[in-house]
């Protein structure tokens, strides 16, 4: 049994027990999260596809971690012009453990 959910402008394939790292969602560790934008649901033999979303399917989970990803370096450079800019960025994320997929 799995579902495809939409959150943070991205789509994720989830099943029960998965740990999912998504764009930051406000909330404390241990608080529950529900995804209502379910695009597809499969129970193993039958597949339901939404037009664009499924109404009677919800994915529920709880927040495991709030953190920052590894640092990436953004470096801009133009040769022979004495132009260089260095900037770092750490994207915030939320780790969610999927508890159930309710259809």
PDB file of N, CA and C in Angstrom:
ATOM      1  N   UNK A   1       0.842  -1.169   0.000  1.00  0.00           N
ATOM      2  CA  UNK A   1       0.000   0.000   0.000  1.00  0.00           C
ATOM      3  C   UNK A   1       0.889   1.234   0.000  1.00  0.00           C
ATOM      4  N   UNK A   2       0.652   2.123  -0.938  1.00  0.00           N
ATOM      5  CA  UNK A   2       1.415   3.359  -1.021  1.00  0.00           C
ATOM      6  C   UNK A   2       0.542   4.465  -1.581  1.00  0.00           C
ATOM      7  N   UNK A   3       1.033   5.702  -1.419  1.00  0.00           N
ATOM      8  CA  UNK A   3       0.329   6.869  -1.926  1.00  0.00           C
ATOM      9  C   UNK A   3       1.359   7.871  -2.415  1.00  0.00           C
ATOM     10  N   UNK A   4       0.913   8.765  -3.288  1.00  0.00           N
ATOM     11  CA  UNK A   4       1.759   9.865  -3.749  1.00  0.00           C
ATOM     12  C   UNK A   4       1.114  11.155  -3.254  1.00  0.00           C
ATOM     13  N   UNK A   5       1.878  11.907  -2.437  1.00  0.00           N
ATOM     14  CA  UNK A   5       1.369  13.138  -1.842  1.00  0.00           C
ATOM     15  C   UNK A   5       2.132  14.333  -2.392  1.00  0.00           C
ATOM     16  N   UNK A   6       1.486  15.496  -2.324  1.00  0.00           N
ATOM     17  CA  UNK A   6       2.079  16.743  -2.787  1.00  0.00           C
ATOM     18  C   UNK A   6       2.235  17.664  -1.585  1.00  0.00           C
ATOM     19  N   UNK A   7       3.478  18.090  -1.308  1.00  0.00           N
ATOM     20  CA  UNK A   7       3.732  19.053  -0.247  1.00  0.00           C
ATOM     21  C   UNK A   7       4.991  19.841  -0.572  1.00  0.00           C
ATOM     22  N   UNK A   8       4.963  21.113  -0.308  1.00  0.00           N
ATOM     23  CA  UNK A   8       6.117  21.968  -0.565  1.00  0.00           C
ATOM     24  C   UNK A   8       6.453  22.091  -2.039  1.00  0.00           C
ATOM     25  N   UNK A   9       5.463  21.900  -2.917  1.00  0.00           N
ATOM     26  CA  UNK A   9       5.699  21.995  -4.355  1.00  0.00           C
ATOM     27  C   UNK A   9       6.354  20.769  -4.957  1.00  0.00           C
ATOM     28  N   UNK A  10       6.496  19.700  -4.172  1.00  0.00           N
ATOM     29  CA  UNK A  10       7.115  18.469  -4.662  1.00  0.00           C
ATOM     30  C   UNK A  10       6.181  17.291  -4.407  1.00  0.00           C
ATOM     31  N   UNK A  11       6.424  16.195  -5.102  1.00  0.00           N
ATOM     32  CA  UNK A  11       5.614  14.997  -4.949  1.00  0.00           C
ATOM     33  C   UNK A  11       6.467  13.881  -4.358  1.00  0.00           C
ATOM     34  N   UNK A  12       5.902  13.141  -3.403  1.00  0.00           N
ATOM     35  CA  UNK A  12       6.626  12.087  -2.709  1.00  0.00           C
ATOM     36  C   UNK A  12       5.797  10.812  -2.706  1.00  0.00           C
ATOM     37  N   UNK A  13       6.464   9.679  -2.920  1.00  0.00           N
ATOM     38  CA  UNK A  13       5.819   8.376  -2.802  1.00  0.00           C
ATOM     39  C   UNK A  13       6.042   7.891  -1.372  1.00  0.00           C
ATOM     40  N   UNK A  14       4.967   7.621  -0.642  1.00  0.00           N
ATOM     41  CA  UNK A  14       5.071   7.233   0.761  1.00  0.00           C
ATOM     42  C   UNK A  14       4.305   5.933   1.000  1.00  0.00           C
ATOM     43  N   UNK A  15       4.793   5.182   1.976  1.00  0.00           N
ATOM     44  CA  UNK A  15       4.064   4.020   2.473  1.00  0.00           C
ATOM     45  C   UNK A  15       4.178   4.036   3.986  1.00  0.00           C
ATOM     46  N   UNK A  16       3.440   3.170   4.643  1.00  0.00           N
ATOM     47  CA  UNK A  16       3.399   3.181   6.102  1.00  0.00           C
ATOM     48  C   UNK A  16       4.761   2.814   6.681  1.00  0.00           C
ATOM     49  N   UNK A  17       5.230   3.612   7.650  1.00  0.00           N
ATOM     50  CA  UNK A  17       6.512   3.375   8.294  1.00  0.00           C
ATOM     51  C   UNK A  17       7.677   4.137   7.686  1.00  0.00           C
ATOM     52  N   UNK A  18       7.482   4.807   6.560  1.00  0.00           N
ATOM     53  CA  UNK A  18       8.553   5.571   5.921  1.00  0.00           C
ATOM     54  C   UNK A  18       8.867   6.836   6.719  1.00  0.00           C
ATOM     55  N   UNK A  19      10.124   7.275   6.622  1.00  0.00           N
ATOM     56  CA  UNK A  19      10.517   8.576   7.154  1.00  0.00           C
ATOM     57  C   UNK A  19      10.787   9.478   5.961  1.00  0.00           C
ATOM     58  N   UNK A  20      10.098  10.596   5.923  1.00  0.00           N
ATOM     59  CA  UNK A  20      10.071  11.484   4.766  1.00  0.00           C
ATOM     60  C   UNK A  20      10.662  12.824   5.160  1.00  0.00           C
ATOM     61  N   UNK A  21      11.620  13.346   4.372  1.00  0.00           N
ATOM     62  CA  UNK A  21      12.191  14.674   4.598  1.00  0.00           C
ATOM     63  C   UNK A  21      11.586  15.643   3.597  1.00  0.00           C
ATOM     64  N   UNK A  22      10.801  16.598   4.097  1.00  0.00           N
ATOM     65  CA  UNK A  22      10.104  17.561   3.245  1.00  0.00           C
ATOM     66  C   UNK A  22      10.550  18.972   3.602  1.00  0.00           C
ATOM     67  N   UNK A  23      10.112  19.937   2.810  1.00  0.00           N
ATOM     68  CA  UNK A  23      10.355  21.341   3.126  1.00  0.00           C
ATOM     69  C   UNK A  23       9.777  21.643   4.505  1.00  0.00           C
ATOM     70  N   UNK A  24      10.331  22.626   5.180  1.00  0.00           N
ATOM     71  CA  UNK A  24       9.966  22.890   6.567  1.00  0.00           C
ATOM     72  C   UNK A  24       8.471  23.126   6.745  1.00  0.00           C
ATOM     73  N   UNK A  25       7.904  22.401   7.703  1.00  0.00           N
ATOM     74  CA  UNK A  25       6.507  22.549   8.103  1.00  0.00           C
ATOM     75  C   UNK A  25       6.511  23.011   9.557  1.00  0.00           C
ATOM     76  N   UNK A  26       5.762  24.053   9.912  1.00  0.00           N
ATOM     77  CA  UNK A  26       5.764  24.496  11.302  1.00  0.00           C
ATOM     78  C   UNK A  26       5.138  23.449  12.214  1.00  0.00           C
ATOM     79  N   UNK A  27       5.735  23.250  13.383  1.00  0.00           N
ATOM     80  CA  UNK A  27       5.211  22.298  14.353  1.00  0.00           C
ATOM     81  C   UNK A  27       6.306  21.785  15.251  1.00  0.00           C
ATOM     82  N   UNK A  28       5.910  21.245  16.390  1.00  0.00           N
ATOM     83  CA  UNK A  28       6.846  20.706  17.360  1.00  0.00           C
ATOM     84  C   UNK A  28       7.108  19.231  17.066  1.00  0.00           C
ATOM     85  N   UNK A  29       8.207  18.716  17.614  1.00  0.00           N
ATOM     86  CA  UNK A  29       8.528  17.301  17.471  1.00  0.00           C
ATOM     87  C   UNK A  29       7.465  16.498  18.214  1.00  0.00           C
ATOM     88  N   UNK A  30       6.910  15.498  17.542  1.00  0.00           N
ATOM     89  CA  UNK A  30       5.860  14.671  18.122  1.00  0.00           C
ATOM     90  C   UNK A  30       4.458  15.076  17.723  1.00  0.00           C
ATOM     91  N   UNK A  31       4.286  16.283  17.172  1.00  0.00           N
ATOM     92  CA  UNK A  31       2.946  16.700  16.770  1.00  0.00           C
ATOM     93  C   UNK A  31       2.542  16.016  15.478  1.00  0.00           C
ATOM     94  N   UNK A  32       1.251  15.838  15.298  1.00  0.00           N
ATOM     95  CA  UNK A  32       0.752  15.084  14.143  1.00  0.00           C
ATOM     96  C   UNK A  32       0.626  15.980  12.913  1.00  0.00           C
ATOM     97  N   UNK A  33       0.777  15.340  11.753  1.00  0.00           N
ATOM     98  CA  UNK A  33       0.705  16.024  10.466  1.00  0.00           C
ATOM     99  C   UNK A  33      -0.207  15.204   9.565  1.00  0.00           C
ATOM    100  N   UNK A  34      -1.041  15.882   8.786  1.00  0.00           N
ATOM    101  CA  UNK A  34      -1.915  15.196   7.842  1.00  0.00           C
ATOM    102  C   UNK A  34      -1.731  15.806   6.456  1.00  0.00           C
ATOM    103  N   UNK A  35      -1.555  14.950   5.464  1.00  0.00           N
ATOM    104  CA  UNK A  35      -1.428  15.397   4.079  1.00  0.00           C
ATOM    105  C   UNK A  35      -2.760  15.142   3.380  1.00  0.00           C
ATOM    106  N   UNK A  36      -3.394  16.213   2.907  1.00  0.00           N
ATOM    107  CA  UNK A  36      -4.692  16.088   2.247  1.00  0.00           C
ATOM    108  C   UNK A  36      -4.568  16.030   0.730  1.00  0.00           C
ATOM    109  N   UNK A  37      -3.473  16.542   0.183  1.00  0.00           N
ATOM    110  CA  UNK A  37      -3.285  16.530  -1.270  1.00  0.00           C
ATOM    111  C   UNK A  37      -2.677  15.193  -1.690  1.00  0.00           C
ATOM    112  N   UNK A  38      -3.514  14.175  -1.786  1.00  0.00           N
ATOM    113  CA  UNK A  38      -3.079  12.844  -2.210  1.00  0.00           C
ATOM    114  C   UNK A  38      -3.413  12.719  -3.693  1.00  0.00           C
ATOM    115  N   UNK A  39      -2.380  12.519  -4.514  1.00  0.00           N
ATOM    116  CA  UNK A  39      -2.564  12.479  -5.961  1.00  0.00           C
ATOM    117  C   UNK A  39      -2.887  11.078  -6.471  1.00  0.00           C
ATOM    118  N   UNK A  40      -2.351  10.048  -5.773  1.00  0.00           N
ATOM    119  CA  UNK A  40      -2.570   8.667  -6.209  1.00  0.00           C
ATOM    120  C   UNK A  40      -2.537   7.761  -4.994  1.00  0.00           C
ATOM    121  N   UNK A  41      -3.329   6.685  -5.036  1.00  0.00           N
ATOM    122  CA  UNK A  41      -3.369   5.717  -3.947  1.00  0.00           C
ATOM    123  C   UNK A  41      -3.453   4.315  -4.544  1.00  0.00           C
ATOM    124  N   UNK A  42      -2.654   3.407  -4.004  1.00  0.00           N
ATOM    125  CA  UNK A  42      -2.672   2.013  -4.445  1.00  0.00           C
ATOM    126  C   UNK A  42      -2.703   1.117  -3.219  1.00  0.00           C
ATOM    127  N   UNK A  43      -3.613   0.138  -3.232  1.00  0.00           N
ATOM    128  CA  UNK A  43      -3.695  -0.800  -2.114  1.00  0.00           C
ATOM    129  C   UNK A  43      -3.063  -2.147  -2.454  1.00  0.00           C
ATOM    130  N   UNK A  44      -2.341  -2.228  -3.539  1.00  0.00           N
ATOM    131  CA  UNK A  44      -1.661  -3.458  -3.924  1.00  0.00           C
ATOM    132  C   UNK A  44      -2.265  -4.094  -5.162  1.00  0.00           C
ATOM    133  N   UNK A  45      -3.563  -3.969  -5.337  1.00  0.00           N
ATOM    134  CA  UNK A  45      -4.205  -4.556  -6.513  1.00  0.00           C
ATOM    135  C   UNK A  45      -4.993  -3.535  -7.323  1.00  0.00           C
ATOM    136  N   UNK A  46      -5.449  -2.466  -6.682  1.00  0.00           N
ATOM    137  CA  UNK A  46      -6.244  -1.456  -7.362  1.00  0.00           C
ATOM    138  C   UNK A  46      -5.574  -0.095  -7.200  1.00  0.00           C
ATOM    139  N   UNK A  47      -5.526   0.696  -8.269  1.00  0.00           N
ATOM    140  CA  UNK A  47      -4.877   2.001  -8.259  1.00  0.00           C
ATOM    141  C   UNK A  47      -5.931   3.073  -8.486  1.00  0.00           C
ATOM    142  N   UNK A  48      -5.956   4.081  -7.602  1.00  0.00           N
ATOM    143  CA  UNK A  48      -6.865   5.212  -7.743  1.00  0.00           C
ATOM    144  C   UNK A  48      -6.038   6.455  -8.045  1.00  0.00           C
ATOM    145  N   UNK A  49      -6.391   7.149  -9.120  1.00  0.00           N
ATOM    146  CA  UNK A  49      -5.684   8.355  -9.530  1.00  0.00           C
ATOM    147  C   UNK A  49      -6.652   9.529  -9.436  1.00  0.00           C
ATOM    148  N   UNK A  50      -6.221  10.604  -8.788  1.00  0.00           N
ATOM    149  CA  UNK A  50      -7.072  11.769  -8.589  1.00  0.00           C
ATOM    150  C   UNK A  50      -7.098  12.684  -9.787  1.00  0.00           C
ATOM    151  N   UNK A  51      -8.143  13.509  -9.849  1.00  0.00           N
ATOM    152  CA  UNK A  51      -8.292  14.463 -10.934  1.00  0.00           C
ATOM    153  C   UNK A  51      -8.492  15.863 -10.381  1.00  0.00           C
ATOM    154  N   UNK A  52      -7.579  16.574  -9.795  1.00  0.00           N
ATOM    155  CA  UNK A  52      -6.166  16.291  -9.571  1.00  0.00           C
ATOM    156  C   UNK A  52      -5.877  15.596  -8.254  1.00  0.00           C
ATOM    157  N   UNK A  53      -6.780  15.674  -7.241  1.00  0.00           N
ATOM    158  CA  UNK A  53      -6.504  15.029  -5.950  1.00  0.00           C
ATOM    159  C   UNK A  53      -7.637  14.085  -5.583  1.00  0.00           C
ATOM    160  N   UNK A  54      -7.336  13.141  -4.700  1.00  0.00           N
ATOM    161  CA  UNK A  54      -8.349  12.223  -4.177  1.00  0.00           C
ATOM    162  C   UNK A  54      -8.962  12.832  -2.918  1.00  0.00           C
ATOM    163  N   UNK A  55     -10.275  12.798  -2.819  1.00  0.00           N
ATOM    164  CA  UNK A  55     -10.962  13.460  -1.718  1.00  0.00           C
ATOM    165  C   UNK A  55     -10.971  12.630  -0.441  1.00  0.00           C
ATOM    166  N   UNK A  56     -11.179  11.325  -0.554  1.00  0.00           N
ATOM    167  CA  UNK A  56     -11.407  10.507   0.633  1.00  0.00           C
ATOM    168  C   UNK A  56     -10.174   9.758   1.109  1.00  0.00           C
ATOM    169  N   UNK A  57      -8.990  10.227   0.725  1.00  0.00           N
ATOM    170  CA  UNK A  57      -7.737   9.594   1.143  1.00  0.00           C
ATOM    171  C   UNK A  57      -6.901  10.635   1.880  1.00  0.00           C
ATOM    172  N   UNK A  58      -6.350  10.223   3.029  1.00  0.00           N
ATOM    173  CA  UNK A  58      -5.490  11.109   3.806  1.00  0.00           C
ATOM    174  C   UNK A  58      -4.293  10.314   4.313  1.00  0.00           C
ATOM    175  N   UNK A  59      -3.139  10.964   4.351  1.00  0.00           N
ATOM    176  CA  UNK A  59      -1.918  10.346   4.864  1.00  0.00           C
ATOM    177  C   UNK A  59      -1.593  11.043   6.178  1.00  0.00           C
ATOM    178  N   UNK A  60      -1.446  10.246   7.246  1.00  0.00           N
ATOM    179  CA  UNK A  60      -1.194  10.810   8.568  1.00  0.00           C
ATOM    180  C   UNK A  60       0.164  10.373   9.073  1.00  0.00           C
ATOM    181  N   UNK A  61       0.818  11.274   9.794  1.00  0.00           N
ATOM    182  CA  UNK A  61       2.129  10.988  10.359  1.00  0.00           C
ATOM    183  C   UNK A  61       2.423  11.920  11.511  1.00  0.00           C
ATOM    184  N   UNK A  62       3.650  11.828  12.042  1.00  0.00           N
ATOM    185  CA  UNK A  62       4.060  12.737  13.104  1.00  0.00           C
ATOM    186  C   UNK A  62       5.486  13.206  12.843  1.00  0.00           C
ATOM    187  N   UNK A  63       5.810  14.386  13.379  1.00  0.00           N
ATOM    188  CA  UNK A  63       7.111  15.016  13.142  1.00  0.00           C
ATOM    189  C   UNK A  63       8.154  14.343  14.017  1.00  0.00           C
ATOM    190  N   UNK A  64       9.254  13.912  13.381  1.00  0.00           N
ATOM    191  CA  UNK A  64      10.342  13.249  14.077  1.00  0.00           C
ATOM    192  C   UNK A  64      11.489  14.225  14.338  1.00  0.00           C
ATOM    193  N   UNK A  65      11.741  15.128  13.379  1.00  0.00           N
ATOM    194  CA  UNK A  65      12.911  16.010  13.490  1.00  0.00           C
ATOM    195  C   UNK A  65      12.666  17.300  12.720  1.00  0.00           C
ATOM    196  N   UNK A  66      13.173  18.410  13.270  1.00  0.00           N
ATOM    197  CA  UNK A  66      13.240  19.686  12.571  1.00  0.00           C
ATOM    198  C   UNK A  66      14.723  20.009  12.459  1.00  0.00           C
ATOM    199  N   UNK A  67      15.223  20.211  11.235  1.00  0.00           N
ATOM    200  CA  UNK A  67      16.660  20.436  11.123  1.00  0.00           C
ATOM    201  C   UNK A  67      17.043  21.203   9.882  1.00  0.00           C
ATOM    202  N   UNK A  68      18.363  21.248   9.662  1.00  0.00           N
ATOM    203  CA  UNK A  68      18.917  21.896   8.486  1.00  0.00           C
ATOM    204  C   UNK A  68      19.738  20.872   7.713  1.00  0.00           C
ATOM    205  N   UNK A  69      19.705  20.969   6.396  1.00  0.00           N
ATOM    206  CA  UNK A  69      20.475  20.068   5.539  1.00  0.00           C
ATOM    207  C   UNK A  69      21.936  20.516   5.515  1.00  0.00           C
ATOM    208  N   UNK A  70      22.772  19.763   4.809  1.00  0.00           N
ATOM    209  CA  UNK A  70      24.175  20.134   4.686  1.00  0.00           C
ATOM    210  C   UNK A  70      24.310  21.445   3.928  1.00  0.00           C
ATOM    211  N   UNK A  71      25.392  22.160   4.208  1.00  0.00           N
ATOM    212  CA  UNK A  71      25.620  23.444   3.579  1.00  0.00           C
ATOM    213  C   UNK A  71      26.045  23.265   2.125  1.00  0.00           C
ATOM    214  N   UNK A  72      25.460  24.085   1.253  1.00  0.00           N
ATOM    215  CA  UNK A  72      25.924  24.144  -0.134  1.00  0.00           C
ATOM    216  C   UNK A  72      26.545  25.512  -0.351  1.00  0.00           C
ATOM    217  N   UNK A  73      27.488  25.586  -1.256  1.00  0.00           N
ATOM    218  CA  UNK A  73      28.195  26.833  -1.561  1.00  0.00           C
ATOM    219  C   UNK A  73      27.696  27.357  -2.902  1.00  0.00           C
ATOM    220  N   UNK A  74      27.291  28.625  -2.909  1.00  0.00           N
ATOM    221  CA  UNK A  74      26.892  29.309  -4.139  1.00  0.00           C
ATOM    222  C   UNK A  74      28.031  30.258  -4.473  1.00  0.00           C
ATOM    223  N   UNK A  75      28.731  30.021  -5.584  1.00  0.00           N
ATOM    224  CA  UNK A  75      29.905  30.814  -5.936  1.00  0.00           C
ATOM    225  C   UNK A  75      29.726  31.383  -7.332  1.00  0.00           C
ATOM    226  N   UNK A  76      29.725  32.704  -7.429  1.00  0.00           N
ATOM    227  CA  UNK A  76      29.619  33.391  -8.716  1.00  0.00           C
ATOM    228  C   UNK A  76      30.973  33.996  -9.045  1.00  0.00           C
ATOM    229  N   UNK A  77      31.380  33.902 -10.306  1.00  0.00           N
ATOM    230  CA  UNK A  77      32.724  34.330 -10.679  1.00  0.00           C
ATOM    231  C   UNK A  77      32.733  34.766 -12.131  1.00  0.00           C
ATOM    232  N   UNK A  78      33.363  35.913 -12.397  1.00  0.00           N
ATOM    233  CA  UNK A  78      33.576  36.357 -13.771  1.00  0.00           C
ATOM    234  C   UNK A  78      35.066  36.596 -13.945  1.00  0.00           C
ATOM    235  N   UNK A  79      35.641  35.923 -14.897  1.00  0.00           N
ATOM    236  CA  UNK A  79      37.088  36.021 -15.068  1.00  0.00           C
ATOM    237  C   UNK A  79      37.497  37.400 -15.592  1.00  0.00           C
ATOM    238  N   UNK A  80      38.672  37.826 -15.163  1.00  0.00           N
ATOM    239  CA  UNK A  80      39.303  39.091 -15.564  1.00  0.00           C
ATOM    240  C   UNK A  80      38.505  40.336 -15.176  1.00  0.00           C
ATOM    241  N   UNK A  81      37.473  40.222 -14.364  1.00  0.00           N
ATOM    242  CA  UNK A  81      36.667  41.387 -13.992  1.00  0.00           C
ATOM    243  C   UNK A  81      36.707  41.674 -12.489  1.00  0.00           C
ATOM    244  N   UNK A  82      37.488  40.926 -11.738  1.00  0.00           N
ATOM    245  CA  UNK A  82      37.579  41.052 -10.292  1.00  0.00           C
ATOM    246  C   UNK A  82      36.216  40.913  -9.629  1.00  0.00           C
ATOM    247  N   UNK A  83      35.422  40.000 -10.117  1.00  0.00           N
ATOM    248  CA  UNK A  83      34.080  39.773  -9.571  1.00  0.00           C
ATOM    249  C   UNK A  83      33.994  38.353  -9.034  1.00  0.00           C
ATOM    250  N   UNK A  84      33.759  38.223  -7.750  1.00  0.00           N
ATOM    251  CA  UNK A  84      33.503  36.917  -7.152  1.00  0.00           C
ATOM    252  C   UNK A  84      32.619  37.103  -5.928  1.00  0.00           C
ATOM    253  N   UNK A  85      31.624  36.232  -5.807  1.00  0.00           N
ATOM    254  CA  UNK A  85      30.700  36.265  -4.675  1.00  0.00           C
ATOM    255  C   UNK A  85      30.562  34.846  -4.149  1.00  0.00           C
ATOM    256  N   UNK A  86      30.759  34.685  -2.859  1.00  0.00           N
ATOM    257  CA  UNK A  86      30.629  33.377  -2.228  1.00  0.00           C
ATOM    258  C   UNK A  86      29.543  33.458  -1.164  1.00  0.00           C
ATOM    259  N   UNK A  87      28.616  32.520  -1.220  1.00  0.00           N
ATOM    260  CA  UNK A  87      27.507  32.521  -0.293  1.00  0.00           C
ATOM    261  C   UNK A  87      27.171  31.076   0.071  1.00  0.00           C
ATOM    262  N   UNK A  88      26.868  30.821   1.318  1.00  0.00           N
ATOM    263  CA  UNK A  88      26.469  29.495   1.766  1.00  0.00           C
ATOM    264  C   UNK A  88      24.974  29.457   2.028  1.00  0.00           C
ATOM    265  N   UNK A  89      24.399  28.250   1.980  1.00  0.00           N
ATOM    266  CA  UNK A  89      22.963  28.095   2.222  1.00  0.00           C
ATOM    267  C   UNK A  89      22.709  26.744   2.859  1.00  0.00           C
ATOM    268  N   UNK A  90      21.879  26.731   3.906  1.00  0.00           N
ATOM    269  CA  UNK A  90      21.433  25.485   4.531  1.00  0.00           C
ATOM    270  C   UNK A  90      19.917  25.476   4.505  1.00  0.00           C
ATOM    271  N   UNK A  91      19.339  24.526   3.768  1.00  0.00           N
ATOM    272  CA  UNK A  91      17.888  24.432   3.629  1.00  0.00           C
ATOM    273  C   UNK A  91      17.289  23.772   4.864  1.00  0.00           C
ATOM    274  N   UNK A  92      16.227  24.350   5.390  1.00  0.00           N
ATOM    275  CA  UNK A  92      15.530  23.771   6.534  1.00  0.00           C
ATOM    276  C   UNK A  92      14.603  22.654   6.064  1.00  0.00           C
ATOM    277  N   UNK A  93      14.477  21.611   6.882  1.00  0.00           N
ATOM    278  CA  UNK A  93      13.613  20.486   6.528  1.00  0.00           C
ATOM    279  C   UNK A  93      12.886  19.974   7.763  1.00  0.00           C
ATOM    280  N   UNK A  94      11.872  19.174   7.506  1.00  0.00           N
ATOM    281  CA  UNK A  94      11.116  18.490   8.548  1.00  0.00           C
ATOM    282  C   UNK A  94      11.097  17.013   8.203  1.00  0.00           C
ATOM    283  N   UNK A  95      11.494  16.174   9.143  1.00  0.00           N
ATOM    284  CA  UNK A  95      11.433  14.724   8.956  1.00  0.00           C
ATOM    285  C   UNK A  95      10.131  14.226   9.561  1.00  0.00           C
ATOM    286  N   UNK A  96       9.357  13.476   8.755  1.00  0.00           N
ATOM    287  CA  UNK A  96       8.037  12.997   9.162  1.00  0.00           C
ATOM    288  C   UNK A  96       7.993  11.488   9.036  1.00  0.00           C
ATOM    289  N   UNK A  97       7.515  10.812  10.074  1.00  0.00           N
ATOM    290  CA  UNK A  97       7.314   9.363  10.018  1.00  0.00           C
ATOM    291  C   UNK A  97       5.854   9.120   9.676  1.00  0.00           C
ATOM    292  N   UNK A  98       5.605   8.352   8.621  1.00  0.00           N
ATOM    293  CA  UNK A  98       4.251   8.078   8.150  1.00  0.00           C
ATOM    294  C   UNK A  98       3.632   6.998   9.027  1.00  0.00           C
ATOM    295  N   UNK A  99       2.515   7.324   9.682  1.00  0.00           N
ATOM    296  CA  UNK A  99       1.828   6.374  10.562  1.00  0.00           C
ATOM    297  C   UNK A  99       0.807   5.539   9.817  1.00  0.00           C
ATOM    298  N   UNK A 100      -0.025   6.190   8.999  1.00  0.00           N
ATOM    299  CA  UNK A 100      -1.089   5.434   8.329  1.00  0.00           C
ATOM    300  C   UNK A 100      -1.532   6.148   7.053  1.00  0.00           C
ATOM    301  N   UNK A 101      -2.090   5.353   6.165  1.00  0.00           N
ATOM    302  CA  UNK A 101      -2.721   5.864   4.943  1.00  0.00           C
ATOM    303  C   UNK A 101      -4.182   5.447   5.037  1.00  0.00           C
ATOM    304  N   UNK A 102      -5.061   6.436   5.184  1.00  0.00           N
ATOM    305  CA  UNK A 102      -6.481   6.151   5.394  1.00  0.00           C
ATOM    306  C   UNK A 102      -7.249   6.413   4.116  1.00  0.00           C
ATOM    307  N   UNK A 103      -7.930   5.378   3.638  1.00  0.00           N
ATOM    308  CA  UNK A 103      -8.709   5.509   2.406  1.00  0.00           C
ATOM    309  C   UNK A 103     -10.186   5.397   2.714  1.00  0.00           C
TER     310      UNK A 103
END
